[in-house]
Amino acid sequence: MLSIKVLGPGCANCRKLEEVAREAVAATGVEAEIAKVTDMQQIIAYDVLKTPGLVINDKLVSSGRIPTPASVAEWIRAAA
C-alpha cells in the first residue's frame, strides 16, 4: 500500500491538493493511505519551503503548487 502525505497547515491549497491526490488514487485504482501532515517540524523535515507539499512513499514529489490529477496519477503509478 502506498503512503501519500499532504504537507501543509490546512490552507485552501492544501485541501485542494488532498482532493487532487484522492482523485488520482481513485483514477489509478492503487491502494493508498492519504495522510495530512500539519506539523511544521515534520513539513520542514521533508525540505518543503513552500506548501502545499506532496510526499509519496516518503519521497517529496511536489511543493509550492497544486499539480494536475494526471501528474499525481503518474507519480502514483511510478511509485506503485
Protein backbone atom coordinates (compact mmCIF):
# COMPACT_ATOMS: atom_id res chain seq x y z
CA MET A 1 0.00 0.00 0.00
CA LEU A 2 1.28 3.44 -0.95
CA SER A 3 1.79 6.13 1.64
CA ILE A 4 0.74 9.58 0.45
CA LYS A 5 1.18 12.66 2.60
CA VAL A 6 -0.21 16.12 2.00
CA LEU A 7 2.03 18.64 3.77
CA GLY A 8 0.63 21.98 4.84
CA PRO A 9 -1.01 23.95 7.63
CA GLY A 10 -4.53 23.25 6.35
CA CYS A 11 -4.90 26.14 3.90
CA ALA A 12 -7.24 26.09 0.90
CA ASN A 13 -4.42 24.93 -1.39
CA CYS A 14 -3.60 22.08 1.00
CA ARG A 15 -7.23 20.93 0.93
CA LYS A 16 -7.29 21.21 -2.87
CA LEU A 17 -4.10 19.13 -3.11
CA GLU A 18 -5.66 16.46 -0.90
CA GLU A 19 -8.69 16.36 -3.26
CA VAL A 20 -6.37 16.03 -6.27
CA ALA A 21 -4.46 13.21 -4.54
CA ARG A 22 -7.70 11.34 -3.73
CA GLU A 23 -8.86 11.80 -7.32
CA ALA A 24 -5.57 10.42 -8.65
CA VAL A 25 -5.70 7.42 -6.29
CA ALA A 26 -9.24 6.65 -7.46
CA ALA A 27 -8.19 7.00 -11.11
CA THR A 28 -5.23 4.62 -10.75
CA GLY A 29 -7.02 2.07 -8.58
CA VAL A 30 -3.89 1.80 -6.43
CA GLU A 31 -4.41 1.14 -2.74
CA ALA A 32 -3.07 4.12 -0.85
CA GLU A 33 -3.31 5.75 2.53
CA ILE A 34 -3.58 9.54 2.42
CA ALA A 35 -2.49 11.45 5.49
CA LYS A 36 -2.40 15.17 6.21
CA VAL A 37 0.72 16.50 7.89
CA THR A 38 0.19 19.87 9.55
CA ASP A 39 3.13 19.87 11.98
CA MET A 40 5.69 22.41 10.74
CA GLN A 41 8.65 20.42 12.10
CA GLN A 42 7.59 17.38 10.06
CA ILE A 43 6.95 19.52 6.98
CA ILE A 44 10.41 21.14 7.28
CA ALA A 45 11.94 17.66 7.63
CA TYR A 46 10.84 16.97 4.04
CA ASP A 47 12.68 20.14 2.86
CA VAL A 48 9.43 21.82 1.87
CA LEU A 49 9.99 25.55 1.55
CA LYS A 50 6.50 26.36 0.24
CA THR A 51 3.32 24.47 0.98
CA PRO A 52 1.41 22.54 -0.10
CA GLY A 53 3.75 19.61 -0.44
CA LEU A 54 3.05 16.11 -1.70
CA VAL A 55 5.01 13.09 -0.50
CA ILE A 56 4.60 9.61 -1.97
CA ASN A 57 6.32 6.77 -0.10
CA ASP A 58 8.47 9.30 1.82
CA LYS A 59 9.70 10.97 -1.39
CA LEU A 60 8.81 14.63 -1.95
CA VAL A 61 7.31 14.87 -5.45
CA SER A 62 5.81 18.36 -5.39
CA SER A 63 5.88 21.53 -3.31
CA GLY A 64 4.57 25.07 -3.56
CA ARG A 65 1.95 24.25 -6.19
CA ILE A 66 -1.07 22.10 -6.96
CA PRO A 67 -0.15 19.54 -9.62
CA THR A 68 -2.76 18.18 -12.02
CA PRO A 69 -4.55 14.93 -11.14
CA ALA A 70 -2.84 13.38 -14.20
CA SER A 71 0.63 14.27 -12.86
CA VAL A 72 -0.19 12.88 -9.43
CA ALA A 73 -1.58 9.70 -11.05
CA GLU A 74 1.72 9.27 -12.95
CA TRP A 75 3.72 9.64 -9.72
CA ILE A 76 1.45 7.12 -8.00
CA ARG A 77 1.90 4.62 -10.85
CA ALA A 78 5.68 5.13 -10.77
CA ALA A 79 5.77 4.53 -7.01
CA ALA A 80 3.38 1.53 -7.01
